[in-house]
Amino acid sequence: MSSQVDRYVAASPAQRKADVRKYSARSATFAGVGIIALITSAVASSTFFIIVSMLIVVAGAWDGYKVMRILKHEDTWT
């Protein structure tokens, strides 16, 4: 668990920027697909699409959390 939290301690700012770009793009993709899945579930009234849309929302929120965690990282220069 601590290795996951301390992932960005020694990482360069360029690596963090690349990760923010990657996770932001994935989060935007999940948001678009989630909206389409919600509309489809409303039209089709299918349990499958409701579950899929909920999973997509969770995945998008997780990527948003990763971006927030990277952005709140503070470098400690010694």
PDB file of N, CA and C in Angstrom:
ATOM      1  N   MET A   1       0.818  -1.191   0.000  1.00  0.00           N
ATOM      2  CA  MET A   1       0.000   0.000   0.000  1.00  0.00           C
ATOM      3  C   MET A   1       0.860   1.254   0.000  1.00  0.00           C
ATOM      4  N   SER A   2       1.930   1.261   0.780  1.00  0.00           N
ATOM      5  CA  SER A   2       2.758   2.455   0.848  1.00  0.00           C
ATOM      6  C   SER A   2       3.471   2.716  -0.474  1.00  0.00           C
ATOM      7  N   SER A   3       3.810   1.665  -1.214  1.00  0.00           N
ATOM      8  CA  SER A   3       4.458   1.881  -2.505  1.00  0.00           C
ATOM      9  C   SER A   3       3.506   2.556  -3.483  1.00  0.00           C
ATOM     10  N   GLN A   4       2.212   2.281  -3.371  1.00  0.00           N
ATOM     11  CA  GLN A   4       1.231   2.934  -4.227  1.00  0.00           C
ATOM     12  C   GLN A   4       1.104   4.411  -3.856  1.00  0.00           C
ATOM     13  N   VAL A   5       1.133   4.716  -2.568  1.00  0.00           N
ATOM     14  CA  VAL A   5       0.997   6.094  -2.119  1.00  0.00           C
ATOM     15  C   VAL A   5       2.246   6.892  -2.469  1.00  0.00           C
ATOM     16  N   ASP A   6       3.423   6.298  -2.321  1.00  0.00           N
ATOM     17  CA  ASP A   6       4.685   6.989  -2.535  1.00  0.00           C
ATOM     18  C   ASP A   6       5.189   6.870  -3.969  1.00  0.00           C
ATOM     19  N   ARG A   7       4.331   6.584  -4.903  1.00  0.00           N
ATOM     20  CA  ARG A   7       4.763   6.347  -6.278  1.00  0.00           C
ATOM     21  C   ARG A   7       5.442   7.571  -6.873  1.00  0.00           C
ATOM     22  N   TYR A   8       4.981   8.757  -6.528  1.00  0.00           N
ATOM     23  CA  TYR A   8       5.481   9.965  -7.167  1.00  0.00           C
ATOM     24  C   TYR A   8       6.559  10.671  -6.364  1.00  0.00           C
ATOM     25  N   VAL A   9       7.070  10.040  -5.323  1.00  0.00           N
ATOM     26  CA  VAL A   9       8.103  10.677  -4.521  1.00  0.00           C
ATOM     27  C   VAL A   9       9.354  10.916  -5.349  1.00  0.00           C
ATOM     28  N   ALA A  10       9.805   9.937  -6.079  1.00  0.00           N
ATOM     29  CA  ALA A  10      11.035  10.071  -6.857  1.00  0.00           C
ATOM     30  C   ALA A  10      10.763  10.322  -8.339  1.00  0.00           C
ATOM     31  N   ALA A  11       9.508  10.398  -8.736  1.00  0.00           N
ATOM     32  CA  ALA A  11       9.182  10.561 -10.151  1.00  0.00           C
ATOM     33  C   ALA A  11       9.455  11.995 -10.595  1.00  0.00           C
ATOM     34  N   SER A  12       9.812  12.118 -11.834  1.00  0.00           N
ATOM     35  CA  SER A  12      10.097  13.437 -12.378  1.00  0.00           C
ATOM     36  C   SER A  12       8.795  14.172 -12.685  1.00  0.00           C
ATOM     37  N   PRO A  13       8.851  15.499 -12.748  1.00  0.00           N
ATOM     38  CA  PRO A  13       7.656  16.255 -13.137  1.00  0.00           C
ATOM     39  C   PRO A  13       7.145  15.866 -14.525  1.00  0.00           C
ATOM     40  N   ALA A  14       8.048  15.494 -15.416  1.00  0.00           N
ATOM     41  CA  ALA A  14       7.618  15.074 -16.755  1.00  0.00           C
ATOM     42  C   ALA A  14       6.782  13.794 -16.688  1.00  0.00           C
ATOM     43  N   GLN A  15       7.158  12.871 -15.815  1.00  0.00           N
ATOM     44  CA  GLN A  15       6.386  11.633 -15.654  1.00  0.00           C
ATOM     45  C   GLN A  15       5.008  11.937 -15.079  1.00  0.00           C
ATOM     46  N   ARG A  16       4.951  12.852 -14.118  1.00  0.00           N
ATOM     47  CA  ARG A  16       3.655  13.221 -13.539  1.00  0.00           C
ATOM     48  C   ARG A  16       2.771  13.896 -14.582  1.00  0.00           C
ATOM     49  N   LYS A  17       3.351  14.767 -15.410  1.00  0.00           N
ATOM     50  CA  LYS A  17       2.570  15.415 -16.469  1.00  0.00           C
ATOM     51  C   LYS A  17       2.010  14.386 -17.440  1.00  0.00           C
ATOM     52  N   ALA A  18       2.831  13.424 -17.811  1.00  0.00           N
ATOM     53  CA  ALA A  18       2.375  12.376 -18.730  1.00  0.00           C
ATOM     54  C   ALA A  18       1.246  11.563 -18.103  1.00  0.00           C
ATOM     55  N   ASP A  19       1.369  11.258 -16.817  1.00  0.00           N
ATOM     56  CA  ASP A  19       0.313  10.499 -16.140  1.00  0.00           C
ATOM     57  C   ASP A  19      -0.973  11.303 -16.041  1.00  0.00           C
ATOM     58  N   VAL A  20      -0.870  12.611 -15.774  1.00  0.00           N
ATOM     59  CA  VAL A  20      -2.068  13.450 -15.711  1.00  0.00           C
ATOM     60  C   VAL A  20      -2.754  13.481 -17.070  1.00  0.00           C
ATOM     61  N   ARG A  21      -1.982  13.608 -18.131  1.00  0.00           N
ATOM     62  CA  ARG A  21      -2.577  13.594 -19.480  1.00  0.00           C
ATOM     63  C   ARG A  21      -3.279  12.267 -19.759  1.00  0.00           C
ATOM     64  N   LYS A  22      -2.626  11.174 -19.388  1.00  0.00           N
ATOM     65  CA  LYS A  22      -3.194   9.850 -19.648  1.00  0.00           C
ATOM     66  C   LYS A  22      -4.493   9.653 -18.868  1.00  0.00           C
ATOM     67  N   TYR A  23      -4.463   9.939 -17.563  1.00  0.00           N
ATOM     68  CA  TYR A  23      -5.645   9.711 -16.743  1.00  0.00           C
ATOM     69  C   TYR A  23      -6.763  10.699 -17.060  1.00  0.00           C
ATOM     70  N   SER A  24      -6.421  11.927 -17.450  1.00  0.00           N
ATOM     71  CA  SER A  24      -7.449  12.894 -17.829  1.00  0.00           C
ATOM     72  C   SER A  24      -8.157  12.458 -19.105  1.00  0.00           C
ATOM     73  N   ALA A  25      -7.389  11.973 -20.061  1.00  0.00           N
ATOM     74  CA  ALA A  25      -7.993  11.500 -21.308  1.00  0.00           C
ATOM     75  C   ALA A  25      -8.893  10.293 -21.055  1.00  0.00           C
ATOM     76  N   ARG A  26      -8.425   9.374 -20.217  1.00  0.00           N
ATOM     77  CA  ARG A  26      -9.246   8.204 -19.899  1.00  0.00           C
ATOM     78  C   ARG A  26     -10.512   8.607 -19.158  1.00  0.00           C
ATOM     79  N   SER A  27     -10.396   9.570 -18.254  1.00  0.00           N
ATOM     80  CA  SER A  27     -11.560  10.025 -17.504  1.00  0.00           C
ATOM     81  C   SER A  27     -12.585  10.664 -18.438  1.00  0.00           C
ATOM     82  N   ALA A  28     -12.126  11.463 -19.396  1.00  0.00           N
ATOM     83  CA  ALA A  28     -13.036  12.074 -20.363  1.00  0.00           C
ATOM     84  C   ALA A  28     -13.700  11.015 -21.237  1.00  0.00           C
ATOM     85  N   THR A  29     -12.950  10.000 -21.615  1.00  0.00           N
ATOM     86  CA  THR A  29     -13.516   8.907 -22.408  1.00  0.00           C
ATOM     87  C   THR A  29     -14.586   8.170 -21.619  1.00  0.00           C
ATOM     88  N   PHE A  30     -14.288   7.875 -20.357  1.00  0.00           N
ATOM     89  CA  PHE A  30     -15.277   7.207 -19.515  1.00  0.00           C
ATOM     90  C   PHE A  30     -16.526   8.066 -19.342  1.00  0.00           C
ATOM     91  N   ALA A  31     -16.359   9.378 -19.237  1.00  0.00           N
ATOM     92  CA  ALA A  31     -17.521  10.258 -19.086  1.00  0.00           C
ATOM     93  C   ALA A  31     -18.409  10.196 -20.325  1.00  0.00           C
ATOM     94  N   GLY A  32     -17.805  10.248 -21.508  1.00  0.00           N
ATOM     95  CA  GLY A  32     -18.585  10.171 -22.739  1.00  0.00           C
ATOM     96  C   GLY A  32     -19.297   8.846 -22.900  1.00  0.00           C
ATOM     97  N   VAL A  33     -18.585   7.780 -22.649  1.00  0.00           N
ATOM     98  CA  VAL A  33     -19.184   6.448 -22.764  1.00  0.00           C
ATOM     99  C   VAL A  33     -20.248   6.254 -21.686  1.00  0.00           C
ATOM    100  N   GLY A  34     -20.016   6.808 -20.511  1.00  0.00           N
ATOM    101  CA  GLY A  34     -20.995   6.696 -19.428  1.00  0.00           C
ATOM    102  C   GLY A  34     -22.301   7.389 -19.765  1.00  0.00           C
ATOM    103  N   ILE A  35     -22.217   8.552 -20.395  1.00  0.00           N
ATOM    104  CA  ILE A  35     -23.434   9.267 -20.797  1.00  0.00           C
ATOM    105  C   ILE A  35     -24.196   8.467 -21.842  1.00  0.00           C
ATOM    106  N   ILE A  36     -23.478   7.918 -22.800  1.00  0.00           N
ATOM    107  CA  ILE A  36     -24.130   7.089 -23.824  1.00  0.00           C
ATOM    108  C   ILE A  36     -24.768   5.856 -23.192  1.00  0.00           C
ATOM    109  N   ALA A  37     -24.076   5.234 -22.233  1.00  0.00           N
ATOM    110  CA  ALA A  37     -24.630   4.051 -21.569  1.00  0.00           C
ATOM    111  C   ALA A  37     -25.859   4.409 -20.740  1.00  0.00           C
ATOM    112  N   LEU A  38     -25.850   5.579 -20.097  1.00  0.00           N
ATOM    113  CA  LEU A  38     -27.027   5.996 -19.330  1.00  0.00           C
ATOM    114  C   LEU A  38     -28.225   6.241 -20.239  1.00  0.00           C
ATOM    115  N   ILE A  39     -28.000   6.869 -21.376  1.00  0.00           N
ATOM    116  CA  ILE A  39     -29.094   7.095 -22.327  1.00  0.00           C
ATOM    117  C   ILE A  39     -29.616   5.766 -22.858  1.00  0.00           C
ATOM    118  N   THR A  40     -28.705   4.857 -23.172  1.00  0.00           N
ATOM    119  CA  THR A  40     -29.108   3.537 -23.662  1.00  0.00           C
ATOM    120  C   THR A  40     -29.888   2.777 -22.603  1.00  0.00           C
ATOM    121  N   SER A  41     -29.458   2.873 -21.356  1.00  0.00           N
ATOM    122  CA  SER A  41     -30.179   2.160 -20.295  1.00  0.00           C
ATOM    123  C   SER A  41     -31.554   2.767 -20.061  1.00  0.00           C
ATOM    124  N   ALA A  42     -31.689   4.083 -20.259  1.00  0.00           N
ATOM    125  CA  ALA A  42     -32.999   4.710 -20.108  1.00  0.00           C
ATOM    126  C   ALA A  42     -33.941   4.286 -21.228  1.00  0.00           C
ATOM    127  N   VAL A  43     -33.416   4.144 -22.431  1.00  0.00           N
ATOM    128  CA  VAL A  43     -34.246   3.757 -23.575  1.00  0.00           C
ATOM    129  C   VAL A  43     -34.562   2.265 -23.540  1.00  0.00           C
ATOM    130  N   ALA A  44     -33.554   1.449 -23.262  1.00  0.00           N
ATOM    131  CA  ALA A  44     -33.726   0.001 -23.334  1.00  0.00           C
ATOM    132  C   ALA A  44     -34.266  -0.601 -22.042  1.00  0.00           C
ATOM    133  N   SER A  45     -34.175   0.116 -20.953  1.00  0.00           N
ATOM    134  CA  SER A  45     -34.587  -0.388 -19.637  1.00  0.00           C
ATOM    135  C   SER A  45     -33.959  -1.748 -19.350  1.00  0.00           C
ATOM    136  N   SER A  46     -32.691  -1.845 -19.656  1.00  0.00           N
ATOM    137  CA  SER A  46     -31.972  -3.096 -19.481  1.00  0.00           C
ATOM    138  C   SER A  46     -31.094  -3.029 -18.238  1.00  0.00           C
ATOM    139  N   THR A  47     -31.138  -4.069 -17.442  1.00  0.00           N
ATOM    140  CA  THR A  47     -30.307  -4.144 -16.244  1.00  0.00           C
ATOM    141  C   THR A  47     -28.834  -4.173 -16.613  1.00  0.00           C
ATOM    142  N   PHE A  48     -28.511  -4.799 -17.720  1.00  0.00           N
ATOM    143  CA  PHE A  48     -27.119  -4.879 -18.164  1.00  0.00           C
ATOM    144  C   PHE A  48     -26.533  -3.488 -18.373  1.00  0.00           C
ATOM    145  N   PHE A  49     -27.256  -2.622 -19.082  1.00  0.00           N
ATOM    146  CA  PHE A  49     -26.735  -1.283 -19.355  1.00  0.00           C
ATOM    147  C   PHE A  49     -26.677  -0.429 -18.092  1.00  0.00           C
ATOM    148  N   ILE A  50     -27.576  -0.661 -17.155  1.00  0.00           N
ATOM    149  CA  ILE A  50     -27.521   0.067 -15.885  1.00  0.00           C
ATOM    150  C   ILE A  50     -26.262  -0.315 -15.120  1.00  0.00           C
ATOM    151  N   ILE A  51     -25.961  -1.602 -15.070  1.00  0.00           N
ATOM    152  CA  ILE A  51     -24.754  -2.063 -14.371  1.00  0.00           C
ATOM    153  C   ILE A  51     -23.504  -1.569 -15.084  1.00  0.00           C
ATOM    154  N   VAL A  52     -23.504  -1.636 -16.415  1.00  0.00           N
ATOM    155  CA  VAL A  52     -22.348  -1.163 -17.180  1.00  0.00           C
ATOM    156  C   VAL A  52     -22.131   0.330 -16.955  1.00  0.00           C
ATOM    157  N   SER A  53     -23.197   1.108 -16.965  1.00  0.00           N
ATOM    158  CA  SER A  53     -23.046   2.549 -16.759  1.00  0.00           C
ATOM    159  C   SER A  53     -22.536   2.856 -15.359  1.00  0.00           C
ATOM    160  N   MET A  54     -22.958   2.084 -14.364  1.00  0.00           N
ATOM    161  CA  MET A  54     -22.449   2.283 -13.005  1.00  0.00           C
ATOM    162  C   MET A  54     -20.964   1.954 -12.931  1.00  0.00           C
ATOM    163  N   LEU A  55     -20.534   0.889 -13.591  1.00  0.00           N
ATOM    164  CA  LEU A  55     -19.113   0.540 -13.608  1.00  0.00           C
ATOM    165  C   LEU A  55     -18.286   1.603 -14.326  1.00  0.00           C
ATOM    166  N   ILE A  56     -18.834   2.161 -15.385  1.00  0.00           N
ATOM    167  CA  ILE A  56     -18.128   3.209 -16.119  1.00  0.00           C
ATOM    168  C   ILE A  56     -17.974   4.454 -15.257  1.00  0.00           C
ATOM    169  N   VAL A  57     -19.007   4.802 -14.518  1.00  0.00           N
ATOM    170  CA  VAL A  57     -18.927   5.958 -13.619  1.00  0.00           C
ATOM    171  C   VAL A  57     -17.863   5.729 -12.552  1.00  0.00           C
ATOM    172  N   VAL A  58     -17.800   4.534 -12.001  1.00  0.00           N
ATOM    173  CA  VAL A  58     -16.784   4.217 -10.989  1.00  0.00           C
ATOM    174  C   VAL A  58     -15.382   4.302 -11.593  1.00  0.00           C
ATOM    175  N   ALA A  59     -15.200   3.787 -12.797  1.00  0.00           N
ATOM    176  CA  ALA A  59     -13.885   3.839 -13.446  1.00  0.00           C
ATOM    177  C   ALA A  59     -13.473   5.280 -13.731  1.00  0.00           C
ATOM    178  N   GLY A  60     -14.398   6.099 -14.176  1.00  0.00           N
ATOM    179  CA  GLY A  60     -14.090   7.509 -14.425  1.00  0.00           C
ATOM    180  C   GLY A  60     -13.759   8.255 -13.151  1.00  0.00           C
ATOM    181  N   ALA A  61     -14.481   7.952 -12.078  1.00  0.00           N
ATOM    182  CA  ALA A  61     -14.189   8.586 -10.787  1.00  0.00           C
ATOM    183  C   ALA A  61     -12.820   8.159 -10.272  1.00  0.00           C
ATOM    184  N   TRP A  62     -12.466   6.908 -10.487  1.00  0.00           N
ATOM    185  CA  TRP A  62     -11.151   6.423 -10.042  1.00  0.00           C
ATOM    186  C   TRP A  62     -10.027   7.140 -10.784  1.00  0.00           C
ATOM    187  N   ASP A  63     -10.179   7.324 -12.097  1.00  0.00           N
ATOM    188  CA  ASP A  63      -9.164   8.060 -12.852  1.00  0.00           C
ATOM    189  C   ASP A  63      -9.120   9.523 -12.422  1.00  0.00           C
ATOM    190  N   GLY A  64     -10.268  10.101 -12.115  1.00  0.00           N
ATOM    191  CA  GLY A  64     -10.289  11.470 -11.596  1.00  0.00           C
ATOM    192  C   GLY A  64      -9.574  11.576 -10.262  1.00  0.00           C
ATOM    193  N   TYR A  65      -9.740  10.564  -9.416  1.00  0.00           N
ATOM    194  CA  TYR A  65      -9.033  10.530  -8.135  1.00  0.00           C
ATOM    195  C   TYR A  65      -7.523  10.446  -8.346  1.00  0.00           C
ATOM    196  N   LYS A  66      -7.098   9.646  -9.325  1.00  0.00           N
ATOM    197  CA  LYS A  66      -5.665   9.530  -9.617  1.00  0.00           C
ATOM    198  C   LYS A  66      -5.095  10.874 -10.062  1.00  0.00           C
ATOM    199  N   VAL A  67      -5.831  11.586 -10.914  1.00  0.00           N
ATOM    200  CA  VAL A  67      -5.376  12.899 -11.371  1.00  0.00           C
ATOM    201  C   VAL A  67      -5.272  13.856 -10.193  1.00  0.00           C
ATOM    202  N   MET A  68      -6.280  13.855  -9.338  1.00  0.00           N
ATOM    203  CA  MET A  68      -6.271  14.743  -8.182  1.00  0.00           C
ATOM    204  C   MET A  68      -5.094  14.429  -7.266  1.00  0.00           C
ATOM    205  N   ARG A  69      -4.808  13.153  -7.064  1.00  0.00           N
ATOM    206  CA  ARG A  69      -3.694  12.759  -6.200  1.00  0.00           C
ATOM    207  C   ARG A  69      -2.357  13.205  -6.783  1.00  0.00           C
ATOM    208  N   ILE A  70      -2.209  13.099  -8.095  1.00  0.00           N
ATOM    209  CA  ILE A  70      -0.970  13.538  -8.740  1.00  0.00           C
ATOM    210  C   ILE A  70      -0.833  15.056  -8.640  1.00  0.00           C
ATOM    211  N   LEU A  71      -1.924  15.781  -8.862  1.00  0.00           N
ATOM    212  CA  LEU A  71      -1.858  17.235  -8.826  1.00  0.00           C
ATOM    213  C   LEU A  71      -1.575  17.773  -7.430  1.00  0.00           C
ATOM    214  N   LYS A  72      -2.002  17.066  -6.400  1.00  0.00           N
ATOM    215  CA  LYS A  72      -1.771  17.521  -5.029  1.00  0.00           C
ATOM    216  C   LYS A  72      -0.399  17.134  -4.499  1.00  0.00           C
ATOM    217  N   HIS A  73       0.379  16.404  -5.301  1.00  0.00           N
ATOM    218  CA  HIS A  73       1.712  15.998  -4.867  1.00  0.00           C
ATOM    219  C   HIS A  73       2.604  17.226  -4.743  1.00  0.00           C
ATOM    220  N   GLU A  74       3.341  17.312  -3.652  1.00  0.00           N
ATOM    221  CA  GLU A  74       4.277  18.413  -3.445  1.00  0.00           C
ATOM    222  C   GLU A  74       5.694  17.863  -3.451  1.00  0.00           C
ATOM    223  N   ASP A  75       6.529  18.474  -4.268  1.00  0.00           N
ATOM    224  CA  ASP A  75       7.935  18.082  -4.294  1.00  0.00           C
ATOM    225  C   ASP A  75       8.642  18.656  -3.075  1.00  0.00           C
ATOM    226  N   THR A  76       9.486  17.857  -2.481  1.00  0.00           N
ATOM    227  CA  THR A  76      10.315  18.342  -1.376  1.00  0.00           C
ATOM    228  C   THR A  76      11.757  18.283  -1.840  1.00  0.00           C
ATOM    229  N   TRP A  77      12.261  19.423  -2.201  1.00  0.00           N
ATOM    230  CA  TRP A  77      13.627  19.505  -2.707  1.00  0.00           C
ATOM    231  C   TRP A  77      14.571  19.691  -1.535  1.00  0.00           C
ATOM    232  N   THR A  78      15.589  18.848  -1.481  1.00  0.00           N
ATOM    233  CA  THR A  78      16.548  18.961  -0.377  1.00  0.00           C
ATOM    234  C   THR A  78      17.880  19.447  -0.858  1.00  0.00           C
TER     235      THR A  78
END
